[in-house]
Amino acid sequence: MKETSVEISKKERFSLKLQRIVGLATIPIWGSLFVLVMRFGAKYKIDKIREIRKQYRELLNESKGPVLVCANHLTMVDSAIINWSLASTWSYMKSFRLLPWNMPERANYWGSYVLRFICYLGSCIPVDRGGDRDRVRKSLDKVTYLLKKGHLITIFPEGRRSRNGRIDSADYSYGPGRLVKAAEGCRVLCIYLRGEGQNIFSKVPKRGEKFYLDMALIKPETNHSGLRATRDLAQQIILQLSQMEQMYFAACRQ
């Protein structure tokens, strides 16, 4: 499986670097406020958060090459909850690499200057799902460039919030497969996140929700080429997430 060549302009590279620098410089402020909102405003809790953070560091230490984070999708704030679960603000300050870039849908936040500013600080690259192909390609090219440079990227293989509360292993995006194909030696950190009271999709979890999070590091590989390779790699990722979901319901929702 050959690595795909991706080029972005010097202006785009500078813009991404500047965004990361601004995010790192200001994370003591927005990171602390974010945790306060999560813990004391929404009263969210992460089950076994210390074990999760330890496992996250250990898995990244095992991975010397690119790492793509792929998670199931139930709410509009899944990325934020995942970031909070994986490391503390202090850990992100010491090693900003631990904080993944995210790809939120532009339509969900672009109309608010406040949300746009927050997403900028939190290392977000907007994507127009189902929109103009050139704009979608440019977003994916930026993400591919970052992935190959060693940055972590979070993406939702389902492409949208699950409508029935379960992973759809028949209808999903091939985007993760394209990214894995583009970055040689890329591993995928599969994350399954779910609130104990979450049955179907919603904008935000209910106040006081307690979250379960499981993760597994895999290395998808394929003997195919072209679109078949992209589809094969994406399928391996979605099947891994489906297996993690089955384990969750078998153990936690009996």
Foldseek 3Di string as FASTA:
>chain_A
DDADDFDDDPVLVVLLVVLQVLLLVCLVPVQVVLVCCQCPVLVEAEPPLVVQQVVLVVVVVVAPAFEEEEEAAFAQCPLVVVQVSHDHSVVCNVPVLSQAAEEAACVVQVVDPVSVVVNSSSRYQYAHVVDDPVRNVNSLSSVLVCRRVHHYYYDYQQSHHFAFQAQDLVHTHLSVLSSLRNHPPYKYKYKYKDWLPDGGHDHDDHRNTYMYMDIDIGRDDDPDDDPVSSVRSSSVRSVVNNVVVVVCCVPPVD
